[in-house]
Amino acid sequence: MSIEELSTLPDGLVIFVRKDCPTCVEIQSVLRQLSKSDLVLTVYSDDPGFPARVSTVKHDRDLRVFRKNEVDDVPTLIHVVDGRAVARTVGWERRSWEALTGTDDLGLDLPDWRPG
């Protein structure tokens, strides 16, 4: 992981997940849905194989990027513009995720809310 990555998140949507997080496991279908969209998406995970079938995963085994960006609870979704976080939501709350991503019908098979 480069110093630049540690200091600046990429523009677009940035999602932090951990494999041992039940909510993160539960929302894998949402992450796949977002990764197939036209949105710019980066997913930071503590496990290179998680979430499955999401091509934009960056492995952060030692959680340096998590800590640098004050991500204590997961999942965390951050909207980044010009290297700055302009909006953030923690946990899974369908309306918040839809508002932040500009995407309707996210995770319709999931409960409306799960803790982070």
PDB file of N, CA and C in Angstrom:
ATOM      1  N   MET A   1       0.858  -1.170   0.000  1.00  0.00           N
ATOM      2  CA  MET A   1       0.000   0.000   0.000  1.00  0.00           C
ATOM      3  C   MET A   1       0.904   1.233   0.000  1.00  0.00           C
ATOM      4  N   SER A   2       0.625   2.157  -0.907  1.00  0.00           N
ATOM      5  CA  SER A   2       1.475   3.337  -1.026  1.00  0.00           C
ATOM      6  C   SER A   2       1.104   4.398   0.008  1.00  0.00           C
ATOM      7  N   ILE A   3       2.036   5.310   0.243  1.00  0.00           N
ATOM      8  CA  ILE A   3       1.783   6.428   1.154  1.00  0.00           C
ATOM      9  C   ILE A   3       0.613   7.260   0.639  1.00  0.00           C
ATOM     10  N   GLU A   4       0.547   7.448  -0.684  1.00  0.00           N
ATOM     11  CA  GLU A   4      -0.547   8.234  -1.263  1.00  0.00           C
ATOM     12  C   GLU A   4      -1.899   7.602  -0.936  1.00  0.00           C
ATOM     13  N   GLU A   5      -1.991   6.278  -1.046  1.00  0.00           N
ATOM     14  CA  GLU A   5      -3.247   5.596  -0.723  1.00  0.00           C
ATOM     15  C   GLU A   5      -3.620   5.796   0.740  1.00  0.00           C
ATOM     16  N   LEU A   6      -2.612   5.875   1.593  1.00  0.00           N
ATOM     17  CA  LEU A   6      -2.894   6.050   3.011  1.00  0.00           C
ATOM     18  C   LEU A   6      -3.374   7.457   3.329  1.00  0.00           C
ATOM     19  N   SER A   7      -3.002   8.418   2.512  1.00  0.00           N
ATOM     20  CA  SER A   7      -3.379   9.786   2.833  1.00  0.00           C
ATOM     21  C   SER A   7      -4.628  10.261   2.098  1.00  0.00           C
ATOM     22  N   THR A   8      -4.945   9.675   0.959  1.00  0.00           N
ATOM     23  CA  THR A   8      -6.080  10.137   0.176  1.00  0.00           C
ATOM     24  C   THR A   8      -6.878   8.954  -0.343  1.00  0.00           C
ATOM     25  N   LEU A   9      -8.161   8.980  -0.095  1.00  0.00           N
ATOM     26  CA  LEU A   9      -9.033   7.957  -0.661  1.00  0.00           C
ATOM     27  C   LEU A   9      -9.318   8.307  -2.114  1.00  0.00           C
ATOM     28  N   PRO A  10      -9.562   7.301  -2.943  1.00  0.00           N
ATOM     29  CA  PRO A  10      -9.899   7.588  -4.335  1.00  0.00           C
ATOM     30  C   PRO A  10     -11.280   8.236  -4.437  1.00  0.00           C
ATOM     31  N   ASP A  11     -11.455   9.093  -5.423  1.00  0.00           N
ATOM     32  CA  ASP A  11     -12.764   9.703  -5.638  1.00  0.00           C
ATOM     33  C   ASP A  11     -13.787   8.635  -6.000  1.00  0.00           C
ATOM     34  N   GLY A  12     -15.024   8.891  -5.642  1.00  0.00           N
ATOM     35  CA  GLY A  12     -16.116   7.960  -5.910  1.00  0.00           C
ATOM     36  C   GLY A  12     -16.663   7.417  -4.604  1.00  0.00           C
ATOM     37  N   LEU A  13     -17.167   6.219  -4.669  1.00  0.00           N
ATOM     38  CA  LEU A  13     -17.691   5.550  -3.481  1.00  0.00           C
ATOM     39  C   LEU A  13     -16.628   4.624  -2.922  1.00  0.00           C
ATOM     40  N   VAL A  14     -16.391   4.717  -1.633  1.00  0.00           N
ATOM     41  CA  VAL A  14     -15.411   3.867  -0.963  1.00  0.00           C
ATOM     42  C   VAL A  14     -16.144   3.132   0.148  1.00  0.00           C
ATOM     43  N   ILE A  15     -16.017   1.810   0.136  1.00  0.00           N
ATOM     44  CA  ILE A  15     -16.701   0.988   1.131  1.00  0.00           C
ATOM     45  C   ILE A  15     -15.658   0.177   1.892  1.00  0.00           C
ATOM     46  N   PHE A  16     -15.763   0.195   3.209  1.00  0.00           N
ATOM     47  CA  PHE A  16     -14.889  -0.585   4.077  1.00  0.00           C
ATOM     48  C   PHE A  16     -15.682  -1.753   4.642  1.00  0.00           C
ATOM     49  N   VAL A  17     -15.132  -2.971   4.492  1.00  0.00           N
ATOM     50  CA  VAL A  17     -15.783  -4.178   5.007  1.00  0.00           C
ATOM     51  C   VAL A  17     -14.744  -5.085   5.652  1.00  0.00           C
ATOM     52  N   ARG A  18     -15.236  -5.976   6.497  1.00  0.00           N
ATOM     53  CA  ARG A  18     -14.383  -7.010   7.097  1.00  0.00           C
ATOM     54  C   ARG A  18     -15.095  -8.343   6.981  1.00  0.00           C
ATOM     55  N   LYS A  19     -14.309  -9.371   6.746  1.00  0.00           N
ATOM     56  CA  LYS A  19     -14.875 -10.704   6.552  1.00  0.00           C
ATOM     57  C   LYS A  19     -15.580 -11.221   7.800  1.00  0.00           C
ATOM     58  N   ASP A  20     -15.137 -10.812   8.989  1.00  0.00           N
ATOM     59  CA  ASP A  20     -15.742 -11.307  10.232  1.00  0.00           C
ATOM     60  C   ASP A  20     -16.959 -10.492  10.670  1.00  0.00           C
ATOM     61  N   CYS A  21     -17.418  -9.582   9.827  1.00  0.00           N
ATOM     62  CA  CYS A  21     -18.576  -8.728  10.128  1.00  0.00           C
ATOM     63  C   CYS A  21     -19.838  -9.357   9.535  1.00  0.00           C
ATOM     64  N   PRO A  22     -20.794  -9.769  10.373  1.00  0.00           N
ATOM     65  CA  PRO A  22     -22.018 -10.390   9.854  1.00  0.00           C
ATOM     66  C   PRO A  22     -22.790  -9.490   8.882  1.00  0.00           C
ATOM     67  N   THR A  23     -22.853  -8.197   9.156  1.00  0.00           N
ATOM     68  CA  THR A  23     -23.566  -7.293   8.247  1.00  0.00           C
ATOM     69  C   THR A  23     -22.844  -7.201   6.907  1.00  0.00           C
ATOM     70  N   CYS A  24     -21.518  -7.163   6.934  1.00  0.00           N
ATOM     71  CA  CYS A  24     -20.743  -7.115   5.691  1.00  0.00           C
ATOM     72  C   CYS A  24     -20.989  -8.362   4.848  1.00  0.00           C
ATOM     73  N   VAL A  25     -21.029  -9.507   5.496  1.00  0.00           N
ATOM     74  CA  VAL A  25     -21.318 -10.758   4.790  1.00  0.00           C
ATOM     75  C   VAL A  25     -22.708 -10.676   4.167  1.00  0.00           C
ATOM     76  N   GLU A  26     -23.648 -10.155   4.924  1.00  0.00           N
ATOM     77  CA  GLU A  26     -25.034 -10.083   4.471  1.00  0.00           C
ATOM     78  C   GLU A  26     -25.214  -9.148   3.270  1.00  0.00           C
ATOM     79  N   ILE A  27     -24.426  -8.085   3.172  1.00  0.00           N
ATOM     80  CA  ILE A  27     -24.622  -7.115   2.083  1.00  0.00           C
ATOM     81  C   ILE A  27     -23.728  -7.375   0.866  1.00  0.00           C
ATOM     82  N   GLN A  28     -23.125  -8.547   0.769  1.00  0.00           N
ATOM     83  CA  GLN A  28     -22.287  -8.842  -0.394  1.00  0.00           C
ATOM     84  C   GLN A  28     -23.036  -8.652  -1.709  1.00  0.00           C
ATOM     85  N   SER A  29     -24.317  -8.989  -1.732  1.00  0.00           N
ATOM     86  CA  SER A  29     -25.095  -8.824  -2.971  1.00  0.00           C
ATOM     87  C   SER A  29     -25.187  -7.346  -3.361  1.00  0.00           C
ATOM     88  N   VAL A  30     -25.276  -6.460  -2.383  1.00  0.00           N
ATOM     89  CA  VAL A  30     -25.311  -5.017  -2.657  1.00  0.00           C
ATOM     90  C   VAL A  30     -23.967  -4.567  -3.223  1.00  0.00           C
ATOM     91  N   LEU A  31     -22.883  -5.066  -2.654  1.00  0.00           N
ATOM     92  CA  LEU A  31     -21.554  -4.704  -3.142  1.00  0.00           C
ATOM     93  C   LEU A  31     -21.366  -5.169  -4.580  1.00  0.00           C
ATOM     94  N   ARG A  32     -21.848  -6.375  -4.900  1.00  0.00           N
ATOM     95  CA  ARG A  32     -21.768  -6.865  -6.278  1.00  0.00           C
ATOM     96  C   ARG A  32     -22.622  -5.994  -7.202  1.00  0.00           C
ATOM     97  N   GLN A  33     -23.825  -5.635  -6.745  1.00  0.00           N
ATOM     98  CA  GLN A  33     -24.711  -4.779  -7.540  1.00  0.00           C
ATOM     99  C   GLN A  33     -24.028  -3.443  -7.848  1.00  0.00           C
ATOM    100  N   LEU A  34     -23.427  -2.830  -6.854  1.00  0.00           N
ATOM    101  CA  LEU A  34     -22.743  -1.551  -7.055  1.00  0.00           C
ATOM    102  C   LEU A  34     -21.518  -1.701  -7.949  1.00  0.00           C
ATOM    103  N   SER A  35     -20.794  -2.819  -7.808  1.00  0.00           N
ATOM    104  CA  SER A  35     -19.582  -3.008  -8.613  1.00  0.00           C
ATOM    105  C   SER A  35     -19.912  -3.207 -10.091  1.00  0.00           C
ATOM    106  N   LYS A  36     -21.121  -3.646 -10.391  1.00  0.00           N
ATOM    107  CA  LYS A  36     -21.538  -3.839 -11.786  1.00  0.00           C
ATOM    108  C   LYS A  36     -22.142  -2.572 -12.391  1.00  0.00           C
ATOM    109  N   SER A  37     -22.309  -1.545 -11.588  1.00  0.00           N
ATOM    110  CA  SER A  37     -22.906  -0.293 -12.069  1.00  0.00           C
ATOM    111  C   SER A  37     -21.827   0.593 -12.696  1.00  0.00           C
ATOM    112  N   ASP A  38     -22.239   1.751 -13.146  1.00  0.00           N
ATOM    113  CA  ASP A  38     -21.298   2.719 -13.722  1.00  0.00           C
ATOM    114  C   ASP A  38     -20.618   3.580 -12.663  1.00  0.00           C
ATOM    115  N   LEU A  39     -20.935   3.342 -11.400  1.00  0.00           N
ATOM    116  CA  LEU A  39     -20.351   4.121 -10.312  1.00  0.00           C
ATOM    117  C   LEU A  39     -18.874   3.786 -10.134  1.00  0.00           C
ATOM    118  N   VAL A  40     -18.098   4.756  -9.702  1.00  0.00           N
ATOM    119  CA  VAL A  40     -16.692   4.511  -9.369  1.00  0.00           C
ATOM    120  C   VAL A  40     -16.676   3.975  -7.943  1.00  0.00           C
ATOM    121  N   LEU A  41     -16.240   2.740  -7.786  1.00  0.00           N
ATOM    122  CA  LEU A  41     -16.330   2.044  -6.503  1.00  0.00           C
ATOM    123  C   LEU A  41     -14.987   1.441  -6.124  1.00  0.00           C
ATOM    124  N   THR A  42     -14.592   1.642  -4.868  1.00  0.00           N
ATOM    125  CA  THR A  42     -13.418   0.988  -4.302  1.00  0.00           C
ATOM    126  C   THR A  42     -13.850   0.362  -2.990  1.00  0.00           C
ATOM    127  N   VAL A  43     -13.500  -0.904  -2.807  1.00  0.00           N
ATOM    128  CA  VAL A  43     -13.839  -1.617  -1.576  1.00  0.00           C
ATOM    129  C   VAL A  43     -12.539  -1.986  -0.876  1.00  0.00           C
ATOM    130  N   TYR A  44     -12.389  -1.565   0.373  1.00  0.00           N
ATOM    131  CA  TYR A  44     -11.247  -1.965   1.193  1.00  0.00           C
ATOM    132  C   TYR A  44     -11.702  -3.086   2.115  1.00  0.00           C
ATOM    133  N   SER A  45     -10.916  -4.163   2.144  1.00  0.00           N
ATOM    134  CA  SER A  45     -11.265  -5.337   2.939  1.00  0.00           C
ATOM    135  C   SER A  45     -10.026  -5.895   3.616  1.00  0.00           C
ATOM    136  N   ASP A  46     -10.249  -6.545   4.755  1.00  0.00           N
ATOM    137  CA  ASP A  46      -9.147  -7.190   5.464  1.00  0.00           C
ATOM    138  C   ASP A  46      -8.793  -8.543   4.858  1.00  0.00           C
ATOM    139  N   ASP A  47      -9.572  -9.000   3.878  1.00  0.00           N
ATOM    140  CA  ASP A  47      -9.372 -10.313   3.257  1.00  0.00           C
ATOM    141  C   ASP A  47      -9.435 -10.145   1.737  1.00  0.00           C
ATOM    142  N   PRO A  48      -8.400 -10.577   1.007  1.00  0.00           N
ATOM    143  CA  PRO A  48      -8.369 -10.347  -0.442  1.00  0.00           C
ATOM    144  C   PRO A  48      -9.487 -11.058  -1.205  1.00  0.00           C
ATOM    145  N   GLY A  49     -10.081 -12.093  -0.629  1.00  0.00           N
ATOM    146  CA  GLY A  49     -11.156 -12.820  -1.296  1.00  0.00           C
ATOM    147  C   GLY A  49     -12.542 -12.386  -0.873  1.00  0.00           C
ATOM    148  N   PHE A  50     -12.616 -11.352  -0.059  1.00  0.00           N
ATOM    149  CA  PHE A  50     -13.906 -10.892   0.445  1.00  0.00           C
ATOM    150  C   PHE A  50     -14.079  -9.421   0.126  1.00  0.00           C
ATOM    151  N   PRO A  51     -15.216  -9.030  -0.369  1.00  0.00           N
ATOM    152  CA  PRO A  51     -16.373  -9.830  -0.750  1.00  0.00           C
ATOM    153  C   PRO A  51     -16.141 -10.560  -2.071  1.00  0.00           C
ATOM    154  N   ALA A  52     -16.800 -11.699  -2.202  1.00  0.00           N
ATOM    155  CA  ALA A  52     -16.659 -12.523  -3.398  1.00  0.00           C
ATOM    156  C   ALA A  52     -17.266 -11.822  -4.610  1.00  0.00           C
ATOM    157  N   ARG A  53     -16.619 -12.022  -5.742  1.00  0.00           N
ATOM    158  CA  ARG A  53     -17.100 -11.532  -7.042  1.00  0.00           C
ATOM    159  C   ARG A  53     -17.271 -10.011  -7.110  1.00  0.00           C
ATOM    160  N   VAL A  54     -16.412  -9.297  -6.401  1.00  0.00           N
ATOM    161  CA  VAL A  54     -16.350  -7.835  -6.501  1.00  0.00           C
ATOM    162  C   VAL A  54     -14.932  -7.501  -6.961  1.00  0.00           C
ATOM    163  N   SER A  55     -14.824  -6.898  -8.136  1.00  0.00           N
ATOM    164  CA  SER A  55     -13.504  -6.728  -8.757  1.00  0.00           C
ATOM    165  C   SER A  55     -12.702  -5.546  -8.222  1.00  0.00           C
ATOM    166  N   THR A  56     -13.321  -4.685  -7.451  1.00  0.00           N
ATOM    167  CA  THR A  56     -12.641  -3.452  -7.035  1.00  0.00           C
ATOM    168  C   THR A  56     -12.154  -3.511  -5.587  1.00  0.00           C
ATOM    169  N   VAL A  57     -11.805  -4.709  -5.114  1.00  0.00           N
ATOM    170  CA  VAL A  57     -11.375  -4.876  -3.724  1.00  0.00           C
ATOM    171  C   VAL A  57      -9.889  -4.568  -3.590  1.00  0.00           C
ATOM    172  N   LYS A  58      -9.558  -3.762  -2.589  1.00  0.00           N
ATOM    173  CA  LYS A  58      -8.165  -3.504  -2.226  1.00  0.00           C
ATOM    174  C   LYS A  58      -7.926  -4.149  -0.871  1.00  0.00           C
ATOM    175  N   HIS A  59      -6.914  -4.991  -0.814  1.00  0.00           N
ATOM    176  CA  HIS A  59      -6.596  -5.729   0.405  1.00  0.00           C
ATOM    177  C   HIS A  59      -5.892  -4.808   1.401  1.00  0.00           C
ATOM    178  N   ASP A  60      -6.437  -4.733   2.591  1.00  0.00           N
ATOM    179  CA  ASP A  60      -5.868  -3.908   3.669  1.00  0.00           C
ATOM    180  C   ASP A  60      -5.758  -4.780   4.921  1.00  0.00           C
ATOM    181  N   ARG A  61      -4.933  -5.802   4.822  1.00  0.00           N
ATOM    182  CA  ARG A  61      -4.813  -6.817   5.872  1.00  0.00           C
ATOM    183  C   ARG A  61      -4.554  -6.224   7.249  1.00  0.00           C
ATOM    184  N   ASP A  62      -3.682  -5.243   7.332  1.00  0.00           N
ATOM    185  CA  ASP A  62      -3.338  -4.679   8.642  1.00  0.00           C
ATOM    186  C   ASP A  62      -4.209  -3.479   9.021  1.00  0.00           C
ATOM    187  N   LEU A  63      -5.208  -3.158   8.202  1.00  0.00           N
ATOM    188  CA  LEU A  63      -6.217  -2.125   8.485  1.00  0.00           C
ATOM    189  C   LEU A  63      -5.638  -0.715   8.592  1.00  0.00           C
ATOM    190  N   ARG A  64      -4.501  -0.474   7.936  1.00  0.00           N
ATOM    191  CA  ARG A  64      -3.909   0.869   7.976  1.00  0.00           C
ATOM    192  C   ARG A  64      -4.820   1.913   7.334  1.00  0.00           C
ATOM    193  N   VAL A  65      -5.430   1.562   6.204  1.00  0.00           N
ATOM    194  CA  VAL A  65      -6.311   2.517   5.528  1.00  0.00           C
ATOM    195  C   VAL A  65      -7.574   2.729   6.355  1.00  0.00           C
ATOM    196  N   PHE A  66      -8.056   1.670   6.994  1.00  0.00           N
ATOM    197  CA  PHE A  66      -9.203   1.794   7.906  1.00  0.00           C
ATOM    198  C   PHE A  66      -8.887   2.831   8.990  1.00  0.00           C
ATOM    199  N   ARG A  67      -7.765   2.624   9.677  1.00  0.00           N
ATOM    200  CA  ARG A  67      -7.402   3.511  10.791  1.00  0.00           C
ATOM    201  C   ARG A  67      -7.155   4.943  10.320  1.00  0.00           C
ATOM    202  N   LYS A  68      -6.445   5.089   9.219  1.00  0.00           N
ATOM    203  CA  LYS A  68      -6.123   6.416   8.689  1.00  0.00           C
ATOM    204  C   LYS A  68      -7.395   7.215   8.406  1.00  0.00           C
ATOM    205  N   ASN A  69      -8.451   6.516   8.026  1.00  0.00           N
ATOM    206  CA  ASN A  69      -9.711   7.183   7.679  1.00  0.00           C
ATOM    207  C   ASN A  69     -10.768   7.059   8.769  1.00  0.00           C
ATOM    208  N   GLU A  70     -10.303   6.713   9.973  1.00  0.00           N
ATOM    209  CA  GLU A  70     -11.161   6.653  11.161  1.00  0.00           C
ATOM    210  C   GLU A  70     -12.378   5.757  10.964  1.00  0.00           C
ATOM    211  N   VAL A  71     -12.135   4.605  10.344  1.00  0.00           N
ATOM    212  CA  VAL A  71     -13.194   3.618  10.159  1.00  0.00           C
ATOM    213  C   VAL A  71     -13.055   2.589  11.270  1.00  0.00           C
ATOM    214  N   ASP A  72     -13.951   2.672  12.240  1.00  0.00           N
ATOM    215  CA  ASP A  72     -13.950   1.736  13.361  1.00  0.00           C
ATOM    216  C   ASP A  72     -15.024   0.669  13.204  1.00  0.00           C
ATOM    217  N   ASP A  73     -16.132   1.035  12.609  1.00  0.00           N
ATOM    218  CA  ASP A  73     -17.252   0.114  12.432  1.00  0.00           C
ATOM    219  C   ASP A  73     -17.467  -0.134  10.947  1.00  0.00           C
ATOM    220  N   VAL A  74     -17.861  -1.347  10.629  1.00  0.00           N
ATOM    221  CA  VAL A  74     -18.112  -1.722   9.242  1.00  0.00           C
ATOM    222  C   VAL A  74     -19.479  -2.384   9.137  1.00  0.00           C
ATOM    223  N   PRO A  75     -20.077  -2.313   7.970  1.00  0.00           N
ATOM    224  CA  PRO A  75     -19.605  -1.625   6.778  1.00  0.00           C
ATOM    225  C   PRO A  75     -19.698  -0.109   6.929  1.00  0.00           C
ATOM    226  N   THR A  76     -18.762   0.574   6.293  1.00  0.00           N
ATOM    227  CA  THR A  76     -18.791   2.030   6.211  1.00  0.00           C
ATOM    228  C   THR A  76     -18.729   2.413   4.740  1.00  0.00           C
ATOM    229  N   LEU A  77     -19.644   3.269   4.332  1.00  0.00           N
ATOM    230  CA  LEU A  77     -19.709   3.777   2.961  1.00  0.00           C
ATOM    231  C   LEU A  77     -19.377   5.262   2.994  1.00  0.00           C
ATOM    232  N   ILE A  78     -18.393   5.656   2.178  1.00  0.00           N
ATOM    233  CA  ILE A  78     -17.954   7.050   2.129  1.00  0.00           C
ATOM    234  C   ILE A  78     -18.023   7.540   0.686  1.00  0.00           C
ATOM    235  N   HIS A  79     -18.570   8.731   0.488  1.00  0.00           N
ATOM    236  CA  HIS A  79     -18.551   9.377  -0.825  1.00  0.00           C
ATOM    237  C   HIS A  79     -17.390  10.364  -0.811  1.00  0.00           C
ATOM    238  N   VAL A  80     -16.467  10.193  -1.751  1.00  0.00           N
ATOM    239  CA  VAL A  80     -15.247  11.001  -1.798  1.00  0.00           C
ATOM    240  C   VAL A  80     -15.243  11.865  -3.061  1.00  0.00           C
ATOM    241  N   VAL A  81     -15.008  13.154  -2.882  1.00  0.00           N
ATOM    242  CA  VAL A  81     -14.893  14.100  -3.991  1.00  0.00           C
ATOM    243  C   VAL A  81     -13.602  14.888  -3.797  1.00  0.00           C
ATOM    244  N   ASP A  82     -12.767  14.913  -4.822  1.00  0.00           N
ATOM    245  CA  ASP A  82     -11.481  15.626  -4.760  1.00  0.00           C
ATOM    246  C   ASP A  82     -10.658  15.203  -3.544  1.00  0.00           C
ATOM    247  N   GLY A  83     -10.687  13.905  -3.243  1.00  0.00           N
ATOM    248  CA  GLY A  83      -9.891  13.369  -2.145  1.00  0.00           C
ATOM    249  C   GLY A  83     -10.443  13.617  -0.760  1.00  0.00           C
ATOM    250  N   ARG A  84     -11.636  14.197  -0.663  1.00  0.00           N
ATOM    251  CA  ARG A  84     -12.229  14.508   0.648  1.00  0.00           C
ATOM    252  C   ARG A  84     -13.547  13.770   0.818  1.00  0.00           C
ATOM    253  N   ALA A  85     -13.752  13.253   2.016  1.00  0.00           N
ATOM    254  CA  ALA A  85     -15.024  12.603   2.335  1.00  0.00           C
ATOM    255  C   ALA A  85     -16.100  13.675   2.459  1.00  0.00           C
ATOM    256  N   VAL A  86     -17.149  13.570   1.640  1.00  0.00           N
ATOM    257  CA  VAL A  86     -18.235  14.551   1.695  1.00  0.00           C
ATOM    258  C   VAL A  86     -19.481  13.972   2.355  1.00  0.00           C
ATOM    259  N   ALA A  87     -19.546  12.650   2.463  1.00  0.00           N
ATOM    260  CA  ALA A  87     -20.673  11.998   3.137  1.00  0.00           C
ATOM    261  C   ALA A  87     -20.223  10.617   3.589  1.00  0.00           C
ATOM    262  N   ARG A  88     -20.841  10.148   4.677  1.00  0.00           N
ATOM    263  CA  ARG A  88     -20.460   8.856   5.254  1.00  0.00           C
ATOM    264  C   ARG A  88     -21.664   8.256   5.953  1.00  0.00           C
ATOM    265  N   THR A  89     -21.789   6.938   5.839  1.00  0.00           N
ATOM    266  CA  THR A  89     -22.796   6.216   6.609  1.00  0.00           C
ATOM    267  C   THR A  89     -22.176   4.924   7.117  1.00  0.00           C
ATOM    268  N   VAL A  90     -22.592   4.523   8.304  1.00  0.00           N
ATOM    269  CA  VAL A  90     -22.042   3.326   8.946  1.00  0.00           C
ATOM    270  C   VAL A  90     -23.164   2.320   9.136  1.00  0.00           C
ATOM    271  N   GLY A  91     -22.844   1.056   8.886  1.00  0.00           N
ATOM    272  CA  GLY A  91     -23.856   0.015   8.972  1.00  0.00           C
ATOM    273  C   GLY A  91     -24.626  -0.055   7.665  1.00  0.00           C
ATOM    274  N   TRP A  92     -25.638  -0.875   7.642  1.00  0.00           N
ATOM    275  CA  TRP A  92     -26.496  -0.991   6.458  1.00  0.00           C
ATOM    276  C   TRP A  92     -27.842  -0.365   6.783  1.00  0.00           C
ATOM    277  N   GLU A  93     -28.155   0.699   6.105  1.00  0.00           N
ATOM    278  CA  GLU A  93     -29.470   1.324   6.198  1.00  0.00           C
ATOM    279  C   GLU A  93     -29.835   1.674   4.762  1.00  0.00           C
ATOM    280  N   ARG A  94     -30.774   0.913   4.203  1.00  0.00           N
ATOM    281  CA  ARG A  94     -31.063   0.993   2.771  1.00  0.00           C
ATOM    282  C   ARG A  94     -31.219   2.433   2.280  1.00  0.00           C
ATOM    283  N   ARG A  95     -32.027   3.235   2.937  1.00  0.00           N
ATOM    284  CA  ARG A  95     -32.270   4.607   2.453  1.00  0.00           C
ATOM    285  C   ARG A  95     -30.987   5.431   2.402  1.00  0.00           C
ATOM    286  N   SER A  96     -30.142   5.295   3.405  1.00  0.00           N
ATOM    287  CA  SER A  96     -28.872   6.043   3.419  1.00  0.00           C
ATOM    288  C   SER A  96     -27.963   5.603   2.277  1.00  0.00           C
ATOM    289  N   TRP A  97     -27.874   4.296   2.069  1.00  0.00           N
ATOM    290  CA  TRP A  97     -27.032   3.782   0.986  1.00  0.00           C
ATOM    291  C   TRP A  97     -27.580   4.212  -0.371  1.00  0.00           C
ATOM    292  N   GLU A  98     -28.896   4.165  -0.543  1.00  0.00           N
ATOM    293  CA  GLU A  98     -29.483   4.592  -1.815  1.00  0.00           C
ATOM    294  C   GLU A  98     -29.230   6.078  -2.051  1.00  0.00           C
ATOM    295  N   ALA A  99     -29.370   6.885  -1.014  1.00  0.00           N
ATOM    296  CA  ALA A  99     -29.138   8.328  -1.148  1.00  0.00           C
ATOM    297  C   ALA A  99     -27.675   8.621  -1.484  1.00  0.00           C
ATOM    298  N   LEU A 100     -26.766   7.968  -0.796  1.00  0.00           N
ATOM    299  CA  LEU A 100     -25.341   8.221  -1.002  1.00  0.00           C
ATOM    300  C   LEU A 100     -24.859   7.742  -2.369  1.00  0.00           C
ATOM    301  N   THR A 101     -25.425   6.632  -2.851  1.00  0.00           N
ATOM    302  CA  THR A 101     -24.995   6.064  -4.130  1.00  0.00           C
ATOM    303  C   THR A 101     -25.806   6.586  -5.306  1.00  0.00           C
ATOM    304  N   GLY A 102     -26.970   7.196  -5.022  1.00  0.00           N
ATOM    305  CA  GLY A 102     -27.851   7.620  -6.103  1.00  0.00           C
ATOM    306  C   GLY A 102     -28.475   6.445  -6.825  1.00  0.00           C
ATOM    307  N   THR A 103     -28.576   5.322  -6.131  1.00  0.00           N
ATOM    308  CA  THR A 103     -29.076   4.082  -6.717  1.00  0.00           C
ATOM    309  C   THR A 103     -30.329   3.633  -5.987  1.00  0.00           C
ATOM    310  N   ASP A 104     -31.369   3.349  -6.744  1.00  0.00           N
ATOM    311  CA  ASP A 104     -32.606   2.834  -6.155  1.00  0.00           C
ATOM    312  C   ASP A 104     -32.554   1.313  -6.084  1.00  0.00           C
ATOM    313  N   ASP A 105     -33.410   0.765  -5.267  1.00  0.00           N
ATOM    314  CA  ASP A 105     -33.616  -0.689  -5.200  1.00  0.00           C
ATOM    315  C   ASP A 105     -32.374  -1.469  -4.768  1.00  0.00           C
ATOM    316  N   LEU A 106     -31.610  -0.934  -3.851  1.00  0.00           N
ATOM    317  CA  LEU A 106     -30.449  -1.662  -3.332  1.00  0.00           C
ATOM    318  C   LEU A 106     -30.897  -2.701  -2.314  1.00  0.00           C
ATOM    319  N   GLY A 107     -30.397  -3.894  -2.438  1.00  0.00           N
ATOM    320  CA  GLY A 107     -30.603  -4.921  -1.425  1.00  0.00           C
ATOM    321  C   GLY A 107     -32.043  -5.156  -1.037  1.00  0.00           C
ATOM    322  N   LEU A 108     -32.915  -5.259  -2.016  1.00  0.00           N
ATOM    323  CA  LEU A 108     -34.333  -5.451  -1.707  1.00  0.00           C
ATOM    324  C   LEU A 108     -34.600  -6.767  -0.989  1.00  0.00           C
ATOM    325  N   ASP A 109     -33.678  -7.707  -1.101  1.00  0.00           N
ATOM    326  CA  ASP A 109     -33.814  -8.992  -0.414  1.00  0.00           C
ATOM    327  C   ASP A 109     -33.298  -8.936   1.029  1.00  0.00           C
ATOM    328  N   LEU A 110     -32.797  -7.777   1.442  1.00  0.00           N
ATOM    329  CA  LEU A 110     -32.217  -7.613   2.778  1.00  0.00           C
ATOM    330  C   LEU A 110     -33.163  -6.839   3.690  1.00  0.00           C
ATOM    331  N   PRO A 111     -32.958  -6.958   5.002  1.00  0.00           N
ATOM    332  CA  PRO A 111     -33.697  -6.088   5.923  1.00  0.00           C
ATOM    333  C   PRO A 111     -33.347  -4.625   5.630  1.00  0.00           C
ATOM    334  N   ASP A 112     -34.215  -3.705   6.040  1.00  0.00           N
ATOM    335  CA  ASP A 112     -33.957  -2.278   5.801  1.00  0.00           C
ATOM    336  C   ASP A 112     -32.747  -1.764   6.567  1.00  0.00           C
ATOM    337  N   TRP A 113     -32.419  -2.406   7.687  1.00  0.00           N
ATOM    338  CA  TRP A 113     -31.350  -1.913   8.552  1.00  0.00           C
ATOM    339  C   TRP A 113     -30.604  -3.080   9.192  1.00  0.00           C
ATOM    340  N   ARG A 114     -29.309  -2.910   9.307  1.00  0.00           N
ATOM    341  CA  ARG A 114     -28.442  -3.803  10.076  1.00  0.00           C
ATOM    342  C   ARG A 114     -27.350  -2.941  10.698  1.00  0.00           C
ATOM    343  N   PRO A 115     -26.913  -3.282  11.898  1.00  0.00           N
ATOM    344  CA  PRO A 115     -25.900  -2.453  12.563  1.00  0.00           C
ATOM    345  C   PRO A 115     -24.535  -2.555  11.899  1.00  0.00           C
ATOM    346  N   GLY A 116     -23.704  -1.563  12.195  1.00  0.00           N
ATOM    347  CA  GLY A 116     -22.321  -1.583  11.742  1.00  0.00           C
ATOM    348  C   GLY A 116     -21.435  -1.899  12.918  1.00  0.00           C
TER     349      GLY A 116
END
